[in-house]
Amino acid sequence: MTFAPGGESSVGMPRQIRAVLFWLLMILLAMVLWKMASSSGNNGAPEEKLDYTQFMQQMDQKNIATAKIYAMQTTAVIHGTLREPPERFTVTIAKEQIPSVSEQLRNQNASVQVVAGATWTSSLLNVLPLLVLLAAWIFLFRRPMRRPPPSTPMGEPQNRPIG
């Protein structure tokens, strides 16, 4: 805190430090957004949305190479790759079909992985970087509290006549 004669007192961080912290937060935000966009799971390859009939036809032809089954509350979403042509696909099935579908795929030597649906902790971990950025933003860039000017010592009049 500095006091300049006849000037305002400045409370808080110096401007240069605030500017550096601002740009560091901007770089961190860009990195978090890049990470979120690049970790969408499809590695840039488009996913073909199959309906259940097409999926069953591909399974009957033993054309599924990998399958990752995400179990939700009432349904399951399968993300996988076909053998020929090597394409990515996604399909939604009923949750009750997970055991039979995964067994049939394993019998066809497909790589199968069953993943439980998103829990509140995994959702919180996905949002945590943005919450940290928001908290840092609020902490660093809130308006500093202005202190009232010092009061005049006792006995001195507050308004002095000029001249």
N, C-alpha and C. Protein backbone atom coordinates (compact mmCIF):
# COMPACT_ATOMS: atom_id res chain seq x y z
N MET A 1 0.85 -1.16 0.00
CA MET A 1 0.00 0.00 0.00
C MET A 1 0.90 1.23 0.00
N THR A 2 0.63 2.14 -0.90
CA THR A 2 1.44 3.35 -0.97
C THR A 2 0.56 4.55 -0.74
N PHE A 3 1.17 5.54 -0.17
CA PHE A 3 0.48 6.81 0.05
C PHE A 3 1.28 7.89 -0.65
N ALA A 4 0.65 8.55 -1.56
CA ALA A 4 1.29 9.67 -2.24
C ALA A 4 0.70 10.95 -1.67
N PRO A 5 1.55 11.97 -1.46
CA PRO A 5 0.99 13.21 -0.91
C PRO A 5 -0.04 13.80 -1.86
N GLY A 6 -1.21 14.02 -1.33
CA GLY A 6 -2.28 14.63 -2.11
C GLY A 6 -2.93 13.66 -3.10
N GLY A 7 -2.55 12.40 -3.10
CA GLY A 7 -3.12 11.45 -4.06
C GLY A 7 -3.92 10.38 -3.34
N GLU A 8 -4.45 9.45 -4.14
CA GLU A 8 -5.22 8.35 -3.57
C GLU A 8 -4.29 7.26 -3.11
N SER A 9 -4.72 6.51 -2.14
CA SER A 9 -3.95 5.34 -1.74
C SER A 9 -4.38 4.18 -2.63
N SER A 10 -3.41 3.39 -3.07
CA SER A 10 -3.77 2.24 -3.91
C SER A 10 -3.72 0.99 -3.06
N VAL A 11 -4.77 0.21 -3.15
CA VAL A 11 -4.88 -1.01 -2.39
C VAL A 11 -4.91 -2.16 -3.38
N GLY A 12 -4.18 -3.23 -3.11
CA GLY A 12 -4.19 -4.38 -4.00
C GLY A 12 -2.85 -4.57 -4.67
N MET A 13 -2.88 -5.37 -5.73
CA MET A 13 -1.66 -5.71 -6.45
C MET A 13 -1.29 -4.60 -7.44
N PRO A 14 0.00 -4.46 -7.71
CA PRO A 14 0.41 -3.50 -8.75
C PRO A 14 -0.14 -3.91 -10.11
N ARG A 15 -0.29 -2.93 -10.99
CA ARG A 15 -0.88 -3.18 -12.30
C ARG A 15 -0.08 -4.19 -13.12
N GLN A 16 1.24 -4.14 -13.04
CA GLN A 16 2.06 -5.05 -13.85
C GLN A 16 1.81 -6.51 -13.44
N ILE A 17 1.71 -6.75 -12.16
CA ILE A 17 1.47 -8.12 -11.69
C ILE A 17 0.08 -8.57 -12.11
N ARG A 18 -0.90 -7.67 -12.01
CA ARG A 18 -2.25 -8.03 -12.43
C ARG A 18 -2.30 -8.33 -13.93
N ALA A 19 -1.56 -7.57 -14.72
CA ALA A 19 -1.54 -7.82 -16.17
C ALA A 19 -0.90 -9.16 -16.48
N VAL A 20 0.20 -9.48 -15.82
CA VAL A 20 0.87 -10.77 -16.04
C VAL A 20 -0.06 -11.91 -15.62
N LEU A 21 -0.70 -11.79 -14.47
CA LEU A 21 -1.63 -12.82 -14.03
C LEU A 21 -2.82 -12.96 -14.97
N PHE A 22 -3.29 -11.85 -15.50
CA PHE A 22 -4.38 -11.90 -16.48
C PHE A 22 -3.99 -12.72 -17.69
N TRP A 23 -2.81 -12.47 -18.24
CA TRP A 23 -2.39 -13.21 -19.43
C TRP A 23 -2.07 -14.66 -19.12
N LEU A 24 -1.57 -14.93 -17.92
CA LEU A 24 -1.36 -16.33 -17.54
C LEU A 24 -2.70 -17.07 -17.44
N LEU A 25 -3.71 -16.40 -16.91
CA LEU A 25 -5.04 -17.02 -16.85
C LEU A 25 -5.61 -17.24 -18.25
N MET A 26 -5.37 -16.30 -19.16
CA MET A 26 -5.86 -16.47 -20.53
C MET A 26 -5.18 -17.67 -21.20
N ILE A 27 -3.88 -17.83 -20.99
CA ILE A 27 -3.16 -18.98 -21.57
C ILE A 27 -3.66 -20.26 -20.94
N LEU A 28 -3.87 -20.28 -19.63
CA LEU A 28 -4.39 -21.46 -18.96
C LEU A 28 -5.79 -21.80 -19.46
N LEU A 29 -6.62 -20.80 -19.65
CA LEU A 29 -7.96 -21.03 -20.18
C LEU A 29 -7.90 -21.62 -21.58
N ALA A 30 -7.01 -21.10 -22.42
CA ALA A 30 -6.86 -21.64 -23.77
C ALA A 30 -6.41 -23.10 -23.73
N MET A 31 -5.50 -23.42 -22.80
CA MET A 31 -5.03 -24.80 -22.68
C MET A 31 -6.15 -25.73 -22.22
N VAL A 32 -6.96 -25.29 -21.27
CA VAL A 32 -8.07 -26.11 -20.78
C VAL A 32 -9.09 -26.34 -21.89
N LEU A 33 -9.42 -25.29 -22.63
CA LEU A 33 -10.37 -25.44 -23.72
C LEU A 33 -9.83 -26.36 -24.81
N TRP A 34 -8.54 -26.24 -25.13
CA TRP A 34 -7.92 -27.12 -26.12
C TRP A 34 -7.98 -28.57 -25.65
N LYS A 35 -7.67 -28.80 -24.38
CA LYS A 35 -7.69 -30.16 -23.83
C LYS A 35 -9.11 -30.73 -23.88
N MET A 36 -10.09 -29.92 -23.53
CA MET A 36 -11.48 -30.40 -23.55
C MET A 36 -11.92 -30.70 -24.98
N ALA A 37 -11.52 -29.88 -25.92
CA ALA A 37 -11.93 -30.10 -27.31
C ALA A 37 -11.21 -31.29 -27.93
N SER A 38 -9.94 -31.48 -27.58
CA SER A 38 -9.17 -32.56 -28.20
C SER A 38 -9.42 -33.90 -27.53
N SER A 39 -9.97 -33.93 -26.35
CA SER A 39 -10.20 -35.20 -25.66
C SER A 39 -11.64 -35.66 -25.82
N SER A 40 -12.28 -35.27 -26.91
CA SER A 40 -13.66 -35.68 -27.12
C SER A 40 -13.76 -37.17 -27.41
N GLY A 41 -12.65 -37.83 -27.70
CA GLY A 41 -12.65 -39.27 -27.83
C GLY A 41 -12.68 -39.79 -29.24
N ASN A 42 -12.90 -38.96 -30.25
CA ASN A 42 -12.99 -39.50 -31.59
C ASN A 42 -11.74 -39.29 -32.42
N ASN A 43 -10.73 -38.65 -31.86
CA ASN A 43 -9.44 -38.46 -32.51
C ASN A 43 -9.57 -37.88 -33.91
N GLY A 44 -10.55 -37.07 -34.15
CA GLY A 44 -10.71 -36.42 -35.43
C GLY A 44 -11.47 -37.23 -36.46
N ALA A 45 -11.62 -38.52 -36.26
CA ALA A 45 -12.34 -39.35 -37.23
C ALA A 45 -13.84 -39.24 -36.96
N PRO A 46 -14.64 -39.07 -38.00
CA PRO A 46 -16.08 -38.97 -37.78
C PRO A 46 -16.67 -40.31 -37.37
N GLU A 47 -17.66 -40.27 -36.51
CA GLU A 47 -18.35 -41.48 -36.08
C GLU A 47 -19.65 -41.62 -36.84
N GLU A 48 -19.89 -42.80 -37.35
CA GLU A 48 -21.15 -43.08 -38.03
C GLU A 48 -22.16 -43.53 -36.99
N LYS A 49 -23.32 -42.93 -37.02
CA LYS A 49 -24.38 -43.31 -36.08
C LYS A 49 -25.17 -44.45 -36.71
N LEU A 50 -25.08 -45.61 -36.07
CA LEU A 50 -25.81 -46.78 -36.54
C LEU A 50 -27.11 -46.92 -35.77
N ASP A 51 -28.14 -47.41 -36.45
CA ASP A 51 -29.32 -47.78 -35.69
C ASP A 51 -29.16 -49.23 -35.22
N TYR A 52 -30.07 -49.68 -34.42
CA TYR A 52 -29.93 -51.00 -33.81
C TYR A 52 -29.89 -52.11 -34.85
N THR A 53 -30.67 -52.00 -35.90
CA THR A 53 -30.70 -53.03 -36.95
C THR A 53 -29.37 -53.11 -37.67
N GLN A 54 -28.80 -51.95 -38.01
CA GLN A 54 -27.49 -51.94 -38.68
C GLN A 54 -26.42 -52.53 -37.76
N PHE A 55 -26.48 -52.20 -36.48
CA PHE A 55 -25.51 -52.73 -35.53
C PHE A 55 -25.61 -54.26 -35.46
N MET A 56 -26.82 -54.77 -35.40
CA MET A 56 -26.99 -56.22 -35.33
C MET A 56 -26.51 -56.90 -36.62
N GLN A 57 -26.70 -56.27 -37.76
CA GLN A 57 -26.18 -56.81 -39.02
C GLN A 57 -24.65 -56.86 -38.99
N GLN A 58 -24.04 -55.80 -38.50
CA GLN A 58 -22.57 -55.78 -38.40
C GLN A 58 -22.09 -56.86 -37.43
N MET A 59 -22.83 -57.07 -36.36
CA MET A 59 -22.46 -58.11 -35.40
C MET A 59 -22.62 -59.49 -36.02
N ASP A 60 -23.68 -59.71 -36.77
CA ASP A 60 -23.89 -61.01 -37.43
C ASP A 60 -22.82 -61.29 -38.46
N GLN A 61 -22.29 -60.24 -39.10
CA GLN A 61 -21.22 -60.41 -40.09
C GLN A 61 -19.85 -60.48 -39.44
N LYS A 62 -19.80 -60.42 -38.10
CA LYS A 62 -18.54 -60.43 -37.34
C LYS A 62 -17.60 -59.32 -37.81
N ASN A 63 -18.17 -58.13 -37.98
CA ASN A 63 -17.43 -57.01 -38.53
C ASN A 63 -17.09 -55.96 -37.47
N ILE A 64 -17.23 -56.27 -36.20
CA ILE A 64 -16.93 -55.30 -35.15
C ILE A 64 -15.60 -55.66 -34.52
N ALA A 65 -14.66 -54.69 -34.56
CA ALA A 65 -13.32 -54.93 -34.03
C ALA A 65 -13.23 -54.56 -32.55
N THR A 66 -13.74 -53.39 -32.20
CA THR A 66 -13.69 -52.94 -30.80
C THR A 66 -15.05 -52.36 -30.42
N ALA A 67 -15.34 -52.43 -29.14
CA ALA A 67 -16.58 -51.85 -28.62
C ALA A 67 -16.33 -51.39 -27.19
N LYS A 68 -16.68 -50.15 -26.94
CA LYS A 68 -16.62 -49.62 -25.59
C LYS A 68 -18.05 -49.27 -25.21
N ILE A 69 -18.58 -49.96 -24.20
CA ILE A 69 -19.98 -49.85 -23.83
C ILE A 69 -20.09 -48.96 -22.59
N TYR A 70 -20.81 -47.87 -22.73
CA TYR A 70 -21.03 -46.94 -21.63
C TYR A 70 -22.43 -47.19 -21.09
N ALA A 71 -22.52 -47.74 -19.89
CA ALA A 71 -23.81 -48.06 -19.28
C ALA A 71 -24.37 -46.82 -18.60
N MET A 72 -25.58 -46.45 -19.00
CA MET A 72 -26.29 -45.33 -18.39
C MET A 72 -27.39 -45.89 -17.50
N GLN A 73 -28.32 -45.04 -17.11
CA GLN A 73 -29.37 -45.48 -16.20
C GLN A 73 -30.32 -46.48 -16.86
N THR A 74 -30.77 -46.21 -18.08
CA THR A 74 -31.71 -47.12 -18.75
C THR A 74 -31.20 -47.60 -20.10
N THR A 75 -30.19 -46.97 -20.63
CA THR A 75 -29.65 -47.36 -21.94
C THR A 75 -28.15 -47.56 -21.84
N ALA A 76 -27.56 -47.97 -22.94
CA ALA A 76 -26.11 -48.09 -23.05
C ALA A 76 -25.71 -47.54 -24.41
N VAL A 77 -24.62 -46.81 -24.45
CA VAL A 77 -24.10 -46.27 -25.71
C VAL A 77 -22.82 -47.03 -26.02
N ILE A 78 -22.74 -47.54 -27.24
CA ILE A 78 -21.57 -48.29 -27.67
C ILE A 78 -20.81 -47.45 -28.69
N HIS A 79 -19.53 -47.19 -28.40
CA HIS A 79 -18.62 -46.56 -29.34
C HIS A 79 -17.63 -47.64 -29.76
N GLY A 80 -17.42 -47.77 -31.06
CA GLY A 80 -16.52 -48.82 -31.50
C GLY A 80 -16.00 -48.59 -32.89
N THR A 81 -15.27 -49.59 -33.38
CA THR A 81 -14.73 -49.54 -34.74
C THR A 81 -15.13 -50.82 -35.48
N LEU A 82 -15.36 -50.65 -36.76
CA LEU A 82 -15.66 -51.79 -37.63
C LEU A 82 -14.34 -52.34 -38.19
N ARG A 83 -14.38 -53.61 -38.59
CA ARG A 83 -13.18 -54.21 -39.20
C ARG A 83 -13.04 -53.74 -40.65
N GLU A 84 -14.07 -53.91 -41.46
CA GLU A 84 -14.03 -53.54 -42.88
C GLU A 84 -15.29 -52.77 -43.24
N PRO A 85 -15.24 -51.61 -43.72
CA PRO A 85 -14.11 -50.70 -43.74
C PRO A 85 -13.83 -50.21 -42.32
N PRO A 86 -12.58 -49.90 -42.00
CA PRO A 86 -12.26 -49.46 -40.62
C PRO A 86 -12.86 -48.08 -40.34
N GLU A 87 -14.05 -48.09 -39.79
CA GLU A 87 -14.77 -46.86 -39.45
C GLU A 87 -15.18 -46.90 -37.99
N ARG A 88 -15.33 -45.70 -37.44
CA ARG A 88 -15.84 -45.58 -36.07
C ARG A 88 -17.36 -45.51 -36.13
N PHE A 89 -18.01 -46.05 -35.09
CA PHE A 89 -19.47 -46.02 -35.05
C PHE A 89 -19.93 -45.80 -33.62
N THR A 90 -21.18 -45.43 -33.51
CA THR A 90 -21.84 -45.32 -32.21
C THR A 90 -23.27 -45.81 -32.36
N VAL A 91 -23.77 -46.48 -31.33
CA VAL A 91 -25.13 -47.01 -31.34
C VAL A 91 -25.65 -47.02 -29.90
N THR A 92 -26.95 -46.86 -29.74
CA THR A 92 -27.58 -46.91 -28.42
C THR A 92 -28.42 -48.18 -28.34
N ILE A 93 -28.24 -48.90 -27.23
CA ILE A 93 -29.01 -50.13 -27.00
C ILE A 93 -29.64 -50.06 -25.63
N ALA A 94 -30.53 -50.99 -25.34
CA ALA A 94 -31.14 -51.07 -24.01
C ALA A 94 -30.11 -51.62 -23.02
N LYS A 95 -30.16 -51.15 -21.80
CA LYS A 95 -29.20 -51.57 -20.79
C LYS A 95 -29.26 -53.07 -20.53
N GLU A 96 -30.44 -53.65 -20.66
CA GLU A 96 -30.60 -55.08 -20.39
C GLU A 96 -29.85 -55.94 -21.41
N GLN A 97 -29.49 -55.38 -22.55
CA GLN A 97 -28.81 -56.14 -23.59
C GLN A 97 -27.29 -56.16 -23.45
N ILE A 98 -26.76 -55.45 -22.49
CA ILE A 98 -25.30 -55.39 -22.35
C ILE A 98 -24.68 -56.77 -22.18
N PRO A 99 -25.17 -57.64 -21.29
CA PRO A 99 -24.51 -58.94 -21.14
C PRO A 99 -24.50 -59.78 -22.42
N SER A 100 -25.62 -59.85 -23.11
CA SER A 100 -25.67 -60.69 -24.31
C SER A 100 -24.83 -60.10 -25.44
N VAL A 101 -24.87 -58.75 -25.62
CA VAL A 101 -24.09 -58.12 -26.67
C VAL A 101 -22.60 -58.26 -26.39
N SER A 102 -22.19 -58.01 -25.15
CA SER A 102 -20.77 -58.11 -24.84
C SER A 102 -20.27 -59.55 -24.98
N GLU A 103 -21.08 -60.53 -24.59
CA GLU A 103 -20.68 -61.93 -24.74
C GLU A 103 -20.55 -62.31 -26.22
N GLN A 104 -21.51 -61.88 -27.03
CA GLN A 104 -21.45 -62.18 -28.46
C GLN A 104 -20.23 -61.52 -29.11
N LEU A 105 -19.93 -60.29 -28.72
CA LEU A 105 -18.76 -59.61 -29.28
C LEU A 105 -17.46 -60.28 -28.85
N ARG A 106 -17.39 -60.72 -27.58
CA ARG A 106 -16.18 -61.42 -27.11
C ARG A 106 -16.00 -62.75 -27.84
N ASN A 107 -17.09 -63.44 -28.14
CA ASN A 107 -17.01 -64.69 -28.90
C ASN A 107 -16.49 -64.46 -30.31
N GLN A 108 -16.64 -63.23 -30.82
CA GLN A 108 -16.16 -62.89 -32.16
C GLN A 108 -14.75 -62.28 -32.10
N ASN A 109 -14.08 -62.39 -30.95
CA ASN A 109 -12.73 -61.85 -30.74
C ASN A 109 -12.67 -60.33 -30.90
N ALA A 110 -13.72 -59.66 -30.54
CA ALA A 110 -13.73 -58.20 -30.52
C ALA A 110 -13.26 -57.74 -29.14
N SER A 111 -12.55 -56.65 -29.13
CA SER A 111 -12.12 -56.05 -27.86
C SER A 111 -13.31 -55.31 -27.26
N VAL A 112 -13.75 -55.76 -26.07
CA VAL A 112 -14.95 -55.20 -25.43
C VAL A 112 -14.58 -54.62 -24.08
N GLN A 113 -15.06 -53.43 -23.82
CA GLN A 113 -14.84 -52.79 -22.52
C GLN A 113 -16.17 -52.18 -22.08
N VAL A 114 -16.60 -52.53 -20.87
CA VAL A 114 -17.84 -51.99 -20.32
C VAL A 114 -17.48 -50.96 -19.26
N VAL A 115 -18.03 -49.75 -19.41
CA VAL A 115 -17.72 -48.64 -18.52
C VAL A 115 -19.02 -48.20 -17.87
N ALA A 116 -18.97 -48.01 -16.55
CA ALA A 116 -20.15 -47.50 -15.85
C ALA A 116 -20.40 -46.07 -16.28
N GLY A 117 -21.64 -45.64 -16.21
CA GLY A 117 -22.01 -44.29 -16.62
C GLY A 117 -21.32 -43.23 -15.77
N ALA A 118 -21.43 -42.01 -16.21
CA ALA A 118 -20.80 -40.90 -15.52
C ALA A 118 -21.41 -40.72 -14.13
N THR A 119 -20.56 -40.64 -13.14
CA THR A 119 -21.01 -40.38 -11.78
C THR A 119 -20.82 -38.89 -11.48
N TRP A 120 -21.31 -38.46 -10.35
CA TRP A 120 -21.18 -37.05 -10.01
C TRP A 120 -19.73 -36.68 -9.78
N THR A 121 -18.91 -37.63 -9.31
CA THR A 121 -17.50 -37.31 -9.08
C THR A 121 -16.75 -37.13 -10.40
N SER A 122 -17.03 -37.97 -11.38
CA SER A 122 -16.35 -37.81 -12.67
C SER A 122 -16.81 -36.53 -13.36
N SER A 123 -18.08 -36.18 -13.21
CA SER A 123 -18.57 -34.93 -13.78
C SER A 123 -17.91 -33.74 -13.10
N LEU A 124 -17.75 -33.81 -11.79
CA LEU A 124 -17.09 -32.74 -11.06
C LEU A 124 -15.63 -32.61 -11.48
N LEU A 125 -14.95 -33.72 -11.68
CA LEU A 125 -13.56 -33.67 -12.12
C LEU A 125 -13.43 -33.07 -13.51
N ASN A 126 -14.42 -33.27 -14.36
CA ASN A 126 -14.38 -32.67 -15.69
C ASN A 126 -14.59 -31.16 -15.64
N VAL A 127 -15.37 -30.69 -14.68
CA VAL A 127 -15.67 -29.26 -14.57
C VAL A 127 -14.66 -28.54 -13.67
N LEU A 128 -13.88 -29.28 -12.90
CA LEU A 128 -12.98 -28.68 -11.92
C LEU A 128 -12.01 -27.65 -12.51
N PRO A 129 -11.36 -27.88 -13.66
CA PRO A 129 -10.47 -26.83 -14.18
C PRO A 129 -11.18 -25.51 -14.44
N LEU A 130 -12.39 -25.56 -14.94
CA LEU A 130 -13.11 -24.31 -15.17
C LEU A 130 -13.50 -23.63 -13.86
N LEU A 131 -13.83 -24.43 -12.84
CA LEU A 131 -14.15 -23.84 -11.54
C LEU A 131 -12.93 -23.16 -10.93
N VAL A 132 -11.77 -23.78 -11.08
CA VAL A 132 -10.52 -23.19 -10.56
C VAL A 132 -10.23 -21.88 -11.29
N LEU A 133 -10.40 -21.87 -12.62
CA LEU A 133 -10.19 -20.64 -13.37
C LEU A 133 -11.16 -19.54 -12.94
N LEU A 134 -12.41 -19.90 -12.74
CA LEU A 134 -13.39 -18.92 -12.30
C LEU A 134 -13.04 -18.35 -10.93
N ALA A 135 -12.65 -19.22 -10.01
CA ALA A 135 -12.26 -18.76 -8.67
C ALA A 135 -11.04 -17.85 -8.74
N ALA A 136 -10.05 -18.22 -9.55
CA ALA A 136 -8.86 -17.37 -9.69
C ALA A 136 -9.23 -16.03 -10.31
N TRP A 137 -10.11 -16.06 -11.29
CA TRP A 137 -10.54 -14.81 -11.93
C TRP A 137 -11.21 -13.89 -10.92
N ILE A 138 -12.11 -14.44 -10.15
CA ILE A 138 -12.82 -13.62 -9.16
C ILE A 138 -11.85 -13.09 -8.12
N PHE A 139 -10.93 -13.94 -7.67
CA PHE A 139 -9.97 -13.51 -6.64
C PHE A 139 -9.04 -12.42 -7.16
N LEU A 140 -8.54 -12.58 -8.37
CA LEU A 140 -7.54 -11.65 -8.87
C LEU A 140 -8.13 -10.35 -9.39
N PHE A 141 -9.31 -10.40 -9.95
CA PHE A 141 -9.82 -9.23 -10.62
C PHE A 141 -11.04 -8.60 -9.97
N ARG A 142 -11.26 -8.91 -8.72
CA ARG A 142 -12.32 -8.20 -8.02
C ARG A 142 -11.82 -6.80 -7.71
N ARG A 143 -12.71 -5.89 -7.58
CA ARG A 143 -12.31 -4.52 -7.30
C ARG A 143 -11.78 -4.46 -5.87
N PRO A 144 -10.61 -3.87 -5.69
CA PRO A 144 -10.08 -3.78 -4.33
C PRO A 144 -10.94 -2.84 -3.48
N MET A 145 -11.02 -3.16 -2.23
CA MET A 145 -11.78 -2.33 -1.31
C MET A 145 -11.02 -1.02 -1.10
N ARG A 146 -11.71 0.07 -1.30
CA ARG A 146 -11.10 1.39 -1.08
C ARG A 146 -11.24 1.75 0.39
N ARG A 147 -10.13 2.13 0.96
CA ARG A 147 -10.17 2.58 2.35
C ARG A 147 -10.61 4.03 2.40
N PRO A 148 -11.37 4.37 3.42
CA PRO A 148 -11.78 5.78 3.53
C PRO A 148 -10.55 6.65 3.82
N PRO A 149 -10.58 7.89 3.38
CA PRO A 149 -9.43 8.76 3.66
C PRO A 149 -9.25 8.93 5.15
N PRO A 150 -8.01 9.09 5.58
CA PRO A 150 -7.79 9.22 7.04
C PRO A 150 -8.52 10.45 7.57
N SER A 151 -9.08 10.30 8.76
CA SER A 151 -9.82 11.42 9.35
C SER A 151 -8.83 12.45 9.89
N THR A 152 -9.30 13.65 10.05
CA THR A 152 -8.43 14.72 10.54
C THR A 152 -8.21 14.56 12.04
N PRO A 153 -7.04 14.93 12.52
CA PRO A 153 -6.80 14.82 13.96
C PRO A 153 -7.78 15.70 14.74
N MET A 154 -8.00 15.31 15.97
CA MET A 154 -8.95 16.05 16.80
C MET A 154 -8.44 17.45 17.07
N GLY A 155 -9.31 18.37 17.06
CA GLY A 155 -8.96 19.75 17.36
C GLY A 155 -8.75 20.59 16.12
N GLU A 156 -8.51 19.99 14.96
CA GLU A 156 -8.30 20.77 13.74
C GLU A 156 -9.64 20.92 13.02
N PRO A 157 -9.92 22.07 12.52
CA PRO A 157 -11.17 22.24 11.79
C PRO A 157 -11.09 21.53 10.44
N GLN A 158 -12.21 20.99 10.02
CA GLN A 158 -12.20 20.24 8.77
C GLN A 158 -12.19 21.17 7.56
N ASN A 159 -12.81 22.28 7.67
CA ASN A 159 -12.84 23.22 6.57
C ASN A 159 -12.01 24.44 6.96
N ARG A 160 -10.89 24.60 6.29
CA ARG A 160 -10.05 25.75 6.57
C ARG A 160 -10.39 26.86 5.57
N PRO A 161 -10.47 28.05 6.04
CA PRO A 161 -10.75 29.15 5.10
C PRO A 161 -9.54 29.36 4.20
N ILE A 162 -9.80 29.62 2.96
CA ILE A 162 -8.71 29.91 1.98
C ILE A 162 -8.43 31.38 2.05
N GLY A 163 -7.18 31.73 2.17
CA GLY A 163 -6.78 33.13 2.09
C GLY A 163 -6.60 33.74 3.37
